[in-house]
Amino acid sequence: MRYLPTVHFISVSLLLGVLAGCASQPPQPLQIDRISPEQLAALVPPAQSTLTLEQIVAMSKQGKSDAEIIEAIKQSQSRYSLAPSEVLDWHQKGISKGVLDYMQHANALAEQNAIADEINKREKARVESEAKLKRERDMARLRSMDPWFYGGPGFYGGPWGYRPYWGGGWRYW
């Protein structure tokens, strides 16, 4: 019975080796795909205006209401990217606060929609790639269950070679 301490020593050292291997693996950091300022500028559609600000000033001076001017902006599908100082200048030229607020709100909403579309596109691509990886993993698992994979029906391979299988349960001889 001299071999018993050696067996215990080997099994304990193997167990410690496995535990040390598991403990030494640091968790993988979460990868976040960030959008650079250049990519963000390319994503956000540029402000386009078919109805110029001078035309809006003229409409205001003609006595049209804010609702009529906003409806004209909506119909022309115009967007305006105005800096705060420009907003003050155009207000002094005659555009009402309500119309200027609508212009700012519509521009911010268009930018948010463009960013949301990009996020949705990236999320859809991520979900599709995960589904593809899952299909590949499942196909690799199913390959080992294919009877033709091991040389034909009636034989199943394993670590100890091929054995006949006669059905009626998973019995190995």
C-alpha atoms as a PDB file:
ATOM      1  CA  MET A   1       0.000   0.000   0.000  1.00  0.00           C
ATOM      2  CA  ARG A   2       2.882   2.312  -0.630  1.00  0.00           C
ATOM      3  CA  TYR A   3       1.347   3.640  -3.838  1.00  0.00           C
ATOM      4  CA  LEU A   4      -1.581   5.255  -2.021  1.00  0.00           C
ATOM      5  CA  PRO A   5       0.225   8.477  -0.951  1.00  0.00           C
ATOM      6  CA  THR A   6       1.584   8.877  -4.488  1.00  0.00           C
ATOM      7  CA  VAL A   7      -1.915   8.581  -5.962  1.00  0.00           C
ATOM      8  CA  HIS A   8      -3.228  11.157  -3.517  1.00  0.00           C
ATOM      9  CA  PHE A   9      -0.327  13.470  -4.297  1.00  0.00           C
ATOM     10  CA  ILE A  10      -0.956  13.206  -8.045  1.00  0.00           C
ATOM     11  CA  SER A  11      -4.704  13.718  -7.725  1.00  0.00           C
ATOM     12  CA  VAL A  12      -4.291  16.695  -5.389  1.00  0.00           C
ATOM     13  CA  SER A  13      -1.709  18.305  -7.681  1.00  0.00           C
ATOM     14  CA  LEU A  14      -3.982  17.779 -10.698  1.00  0.00           C
ATOM     15  CA  LEU A  15      -6.886  19.319  -8.808  1.00  0.00           C
ATOM     16  CA  LEU A  16      -4.777  22.317  -7.782  1.00  0.00           C
ATOM     17  CA  GLY A  17      -3.540  22.718 -11.353  1.00  0.00           C
ATOM     18  CA  VAL A  18      -7.095  22.756 -12.701  1.00  0.00           C
ATOM     19  CA  LEU A  19      -8.212  25.237 -10.047  1.00  0.00           C
ATOM     20  CA  ALA A  20      -5.217  27.474 -10.699  1.00  0.00           C
ATOM     21  CA  GLY A  21      -5.943  27.393 -14.419  1.00  0.00           C
ATOM     22  CA  CYS A  22      -9.537  28.451 -13.830  1.00  0.00           C
ATOM     23  CA  ALA A  23      -8.597  31.167 -11.380  1.00  0.00           C
ATOM     24  CA  SER A  24      -5.922  32.681 -13.612  1.00  0.00           C
ATOM     25  CA  GLN A  25      -8.323  33.520 -16.459  1.00  0.00           C
ATOM     26  CA  PRO A  26      -9.320  37.172 -16.103  1.00  0.00           C
ATOM     27  CA  PRO A  27     -12.820  38.067 -17.226  1.00  0.00           C
ATOM     28  CA  GLN A  28     -12.982  39.510 -20.714  1.00  0.00           C
ATOM     29  CA  PRO A  29     -13.757  43.251 -20.720  1.00  0.00           C
ATOM     30  CA  LEU A  30     -16.983  44.312 -22.377  1.00  0.00           C
ATOM     31  CA  GLN A  31     -16.345  45.666 -25.874  1.00  0.00           C
ATOM     32  CA  ILE A  32     -18.257  48.842 -26.684  1.00  0.00           C
ATOM     33  CA  ASP A  33     -18.273  49.955 -30.286  1.00  0.00           C
ATOM     34  CA  ARG A  34     -18.256  53.739 -30.033  1.00  0.00           C
ATOM     35  CA  ILE A  35     -19.037  56.188 -32.815  1.00  0.00           C
ATOM     36  CA  SER A  36     -16.305  58.707 -33.504  1.00  0.00           C
ATOM     37  CA  PRO A  37     -17.216  62.387 -34.052  1.00  0.00           C
ATOM     38  CA  GLU A  38     -16.382  62.008 -37.751  1.00  0.00           C
ATOM     39  CA  GLN A  39     -18.693  58.997 -38.068  1.00  0.00           C
ATOM     40  CA  LEU A  40     -21.401  60.877 -36.182  1.00  0.00           C
ATOM     41  CA  ALA A  41     -21.108  63.829 -38.550  1.00  0.00           C
ATOM     42  CA  ALA A  42     -21.410  61.431 -41.488  1.00  0.00           C
ATOM     43  CA  LEU A  43     -24.469  59.742 -39.930  1.00  0.00           C
ATOM     44  CA  VAL A  44     -26.444  62.886 -39.226  1.00  0.00           C
ATOM     45  CA  PRO A  45     -28.049  64.151 -42.396  1.00  0.00           C
ATOM     46  CA  PRO A  46     -27.105  67.708 -43.279  1.00  0.00           C
ATOM     47  CA  ALA A  47     -29.683  70.408 -42.776  1.00  0.00           C
ATOM     48  CA  GLN A  48     -31.478  71.069 -46.050  1.00  0.00           C
ATOM     49  CA  SER A  49     -33.762  73.960 -46.654  1.00  0.00           C
ATOM     50  CA  THR A  50     -35.822  74.533 -49.759  1.00  0.00           C
ATOM     51  CA  LEU A  51     -37.649  77.313 -47.946  1.00  0.00           C
ATOM     52  CA  THR A  52     -35.045  79.946 -47.087  1.00  0.00           C
ATOM     53  CA  LEU A  53     -34.957  81.883 -43.857  1.00  0.00           C
ATOM     54  CA  GLU A  54     -35.505  85.114 -45.803  1.00  0.00           C
ATOM     55  CA  GLN A  55     -38.744  83.660 -47.182  1.00  0.00           C
ATOM     56  CA  ILE A  56     -39.811  82.792 -43.626  1.00  0.00           C
ATOM     57  CA  VAL A  57     -39.062  86.374 -42.529  1.00  0.00           C
ATOM     58  CA  ALA A  58     -41.181  87.613 -45.451  1.00  0.00           C
ATOM     59  CA  MET A  59     -44.034  85.287 -44.437  1.00  0.00           C
ATOM     60  CA  SER A  60     -43.838  86.602 -40.863  1.00  0.00           C
ATOM     61  CA  LYS A  61     -43.948  90.201 -42.069  1.00  0.00           C
ATOM     62  CA  GLN A  62     -46.989  89.378 -44.230  1.00  0.00           C
ATOM     63  CA  GLY A  63     -48.808  88.486 -41.025  1.00  0.00           C
ATOM     64  CA  LYS A  64     -48.990  84.720 -41.369  1.00  0.00           C
ATOM     65  CA  SER A  65     -49.450  82.806 -38.123  1.00  0.00           C
ATOM     66  CA  ASP A  66     -46.857  80.492 -36.585  1.00  0.00           C
ATOM     67  CA  ALA A  67     -48.970  77.446 -37.476  1.00  0.00           C
ATOM     68  CA  GLU A  68     -49.074  78.473 -41.164  1.00  0.00           C
ATOM     69  CA  ILE A  69     -45.314  79.085 -41.284  1.00  0.00           C
ATOM     70  CA  ILE A  70     -44.573  75.771 -39.520  1.00  0.00           C
ATOM     71  CA  GLU A  71     -46.880  73.963 -41.947  1.00  0.00           C
ATOM     72  CA  ALA A  72     -45.022  75.557 -44.880  1.00  0.00           C
ATOM     73  CA  ILE A  73     -41.714  74.360 -43.377  1.00  0.00           C
ATOM     74  CA  LYS A  74     -43.148  70.851 -42.968  1.00  0.00           C
ATOM     75  CA  GLN A  75     -44.452  70.825 -46.549  1.00  0.00           C
ATOM     76  CA  SER A  76     -41.074  71.885 -47.922  1.00  0.00           C
ATOM     77  CA  GLN A  77     -39.312  69.323 -45.674  1.00  0.00           C
ATOM     78  CA  SER A  78     -36.764  71.969 -44.736  1.00  0.00           C
ATOM     79  CA  ARG A  79     -34.348  71.628 -41.833  1.00  0.00           C
ATOM     80  CA  TYR A  80     -32.285  74.377 -40.309  1.00  0.00           C
ATOM     81  CA  SER A  81     -29.156  74.029 -38.225  1.00  0.00           C
ATOM     82  CA  LEU A  82     -28.901  77.317 -36.378  1.00  0.00           C
ATOM     83  CA  ALA A  83     -26.389  78.344 -33.748  1.00  0.00           C
ATOM     84  CA  PRO A  84     -27.784  80.195 -30.710  1.00  0.00           C
ATOM     85  CA  SER A  85     -26.445  83.527 -31.977  1.00  0.00           C
ATOM     86  CA  GLU A  86     -28.124  82.929 -35.348  1.00  0.00           C
ATOM     87  CA  VAL A  87     -31.416  82.178 -33.595  1.00  0.00           C
ATOM     88  CA  LEU A  88     -31.213  85.576 -31.883  1.00  0.00           C
ATOM     89  CA  ASP A  89     -30.377  87.311 -35.182  1.00  0.00           C
ATOM     90  CA  TRP A  90     -33.304  85.715 -37.021  1.00  0.00           C
ATOM     91  CA  HIS A  91     -35.648  86.536 -34.136  1.00  0.00           C
ATOM     92  CA  GLN A  92     -34.590  90.187 -34.391  1.00  0.00           C
ATOM     93  CA  LYS A  93     -35.238  90.066 -38.168  1.00  0.00           C
ATOM     94  CA  GLY A  94     -38.822  88.951 -37.561  1.00  0.00           C
ATOM     95  CA  ILE A  95     -39.131  85.197 -37.130  1.00  0.00           C
ATOM     96  CA  SER A  96     -41.221  84.373 -34.069  1.00  0.00           C
ATOM     97  CA  LYS A  97     -39.968  82.287 -31.129  1.00  0.00           C
ATOM     98  CA  GLY A  98     -42.464  79.511 -31.837  1.00  0.00           C
ATOM     99  CA  VAL A  99     -41.181  79.031 -35.388  1.00  0.00           C
ATOM    100  CA  LEU A 100     -37.546  79.134 -34.250  1.00  0.00           C
ATOM    101  CA  ASP A 101     -38.315  76.594 -31.512  1.00  0.00           C
ATOM    102  CA  TYR A 102     -39.917  74.316 -34.095  1.00  0.00           C
ATOM    103  CA  MET A 103     -36.836  74.618 -36.339  1.00  0.00           C
ATOM    104  CA  GLN A 104     -34.500  73.648 -33.484  1.00  0.00           C
ATOM    105  CA  HIS A 105     -36.762  70.802 -32.370  1.00  0.00           C
ATOM    106  CA  ALA A 106     -37.147  69.385 -35.887  1.00  0.00           C
ATOM    107  CA  ASN A 107     -33.368  69.462 -36.454  1.00  0.00           C
ATOM    108  CA  ALA A 108     -32.662  67.734 -33.104  1.00  0.00           C
ATOM    109  CA  LEU A 109     -35.313  65.105 -33.863  1.00  0.00           C
ATOM    110  CA  ALA A 110     -33.782  64.363 -37.279  1.00  0.00           C
ATOM    111  CA  GLU A 111     -30.342  63.933 -35.668  1.00  0.00           C
ATOM    112  CA  GLN A 112     -31.770  61.586 -33.008  1.00  0.00           C
ATOM    113  CA  ASN A 113     -33.534  59.513 -35.663  1.00  0.00           C
ATOM    114  CA  ALA A 114     -30.334  59.173 -37.695  1.00  0.00           C
ATOM    115  CA  ILE A 115     -28.396  57.993 -34.634  1.00  0.00           C
ATOM    116  CA  ALA A 116     -31.192  55.595 -33.633  1.00  0.00           C
ATOM    117  CA  ASP A 117     -31.209  54.119 -37.151  1.00  0.00           C
ATOM    118  CA  GLU A 118     -27.462  53.482 -36.923  1.00  0.00           C
ATOM    119  CA  ILE A 119     -27.803  51.881 -33.489  1.00  0.00           C
ATOM    120  CA  ASN A 120     -30.614  49.654 -34.764  1.00  0.00           C
ATOM    121  CA  LYS A 121     -28.535  48.652 -37.787  1.00  0.00           C
ATOM    122  CA  ARG A 122     -25.572  47.709 -35.577  1.00  0.00           C
ATOM    123  CA  GLU A 123     -27.783  45.798 -33.139  1.00  0.00           C
ATOM    124  CA  LYS A 124     -29.375  43.866 -36.008  1.00  0.00           C
ATOM    125  CA  ALA A 125     -25.926  42.948 -37.364  1.00  0.00           C
ATOM    126  CA  ARG A 126     -24.839  41.809 -33.881  1.00  0.00           C
ATOM    127  CA  VAL A 127     -27.937  39.636 -33.436  1.00  0.00           C
ATOM    128  CA  GLU A 128     -27.432  38.091 -36.888  1.00  0.00           C
ATOM    129  CA  SER A 129     -23.782  37.294 -36.170  1.00  0.00           C
ATOM    130  CA  GLU A 130     -24.715  35.714 -32.823  1.00  0.00           C
ATOM    131  CA  ALA A 131     -27.392  33.619 -34.542  1.00  0.00           C
ATOM    132  CA  LYS A 132     -24.867  32.493 -37.161  1.00  0.00           C
ATOM    133  CA  LEU A 133     -22.363  31.490 -34.461  1.00  0.00           C
ATOM    134  CA  LYS A 134     -25.094  29.585 -32.614  1.00  0.00           C
ATOM    135  CA  ARG A 135     -26.060  27.715 -35.811  1.00  0.00           C
ATOM    136  CA  GLU A 136     -22.419  26.823 -36.427  1.00  0.00           C
ATOM    137  CA  ARG A 137     -22.032  25.598 -32.844  1.00  0.00           C
ATOM    138  CA  ASP A 138     -25.211  23.518 -33.075  1.00  0.00           C
ATOM    139  CA  MET A 139     -24.118  21.998 -36.382  1.00  0.00           C
ATOM    140  CA  ALA A 140     -20.767  21.048 -34.844  1.00  0.00           C
ATOM    141  CA  ARG A 141     -22.613  19.362 -31.971  1.00  0.00           C
ATOM    142  CA  LEU A 142     -24.931  17.512 -34.343  1.00  0.00           C
ATOM    143  CA  ARG A 143     -22.029  16.220 -36.422  1.00  0.00           C
ATOM    144  CA  SER A 144     -20.986  14.008 -33.527  1.00  0.00           C
ATOM    145  CA  MET A 145     -24.473  12.469 -33.443  1.00  0.00           C
ATOM    146  CA  ASP A 146     -24.508  11.594 -37.145  1.00  0.00           C
ATOM    147  CA  PRO A 147     -24.188   7.806 -37.611  1.00  0.00           C
ATOM    148  CA  TRP A 148     -22.467   8.286 -40.981  1.00  0.00           C
ATOM    149  CA  PHE A 149     -19.831  10.484 -39.355  1.00  0.00           C
ATOM    150  CA  TYR A 150     -18.248   7.483 -37.630  1.00  0.00           C
ATOM    151  CA  GLY A 151     -18.152   5.162 -40.600  1.00  0.00           C
ATOM    152  CA  GLY A 152     -21.683   4.025 -41.286  1.00  0.00           C
ATOM    153  CA  PRO A 153     -24.801   2.700 -39.614  1.00  0.00           C
ATOM    154  CA  GLY A 154     -24.399   0.162 -36.857  1.00  0.00           C
ATOM    155  CA  PHE A 155     -21.081   1.518 -35.594  1.00  0.00           C
ATOM    156  CA  TYR A 156     -20.464   4.322 -33.185  1.00  0.00           C
ATOM    157  CA  GLY A 157     -16.994   5.632 -32.550  1.00  0.00           C
ATOM    158  CA  GLY A 158     -15.567   6.715 -29.286  1.00  0.00           C
ATOM    159  CA  PRO A 159     -12.305   7.059 -27.439  1.00  0.00           C
ATOM    160  CA  TRP A 160     -11.934   3.239 -27.365  1.00  0.00           C
ATOM    161  CA  GLY A 161     -12.575   2.613 -31.075  1.00  0.00           C
ATOM    162  CA  TYR A 162     -15.602   1.395 -33.007  1.00  0.00           C
ATOM    163  CA  ARG A 163     -18.153  -0.870 -31.338  1.00  0.00           C
ATOM    164  CA  PRO A 164     -21.228  -2.518 -32.770  1.00  0.00           C
ATOM    165  CA  TYR A 165     -24.515  -1.013 -31.755  1.00  0.00           C
ATOM    166  CA  TRP A 166     -27.600  -3.171 -32.066  1.00  0.00           C
ATOM    167  CA  GLY A 167     -30.206  -0.677 -30.868  1.00  0.00           C
ATOM    168  CA  GLY A 168     -32.537  -1.012 -27.917  1.00  0.00           C
ATOM    169  CA  GLY A 169     -30.521   1.287 -25.686  1.00  0.00           C
ATOM    170  CA  TRP A 170     -27.084   2.759 -25.287  1.00  0.00           C
ATOM    171  CA  ARG A 171     -25.110  -0.368 -24.455  1.00  0.00           C
ATOM    172  CA  TYR A 172     -21.466  -0.608 -25.244  1.00  0.00           C
ATOM    173  CA  TRP A 173     -19.516  -3.875 -25.282  1.00  0.00           C
END
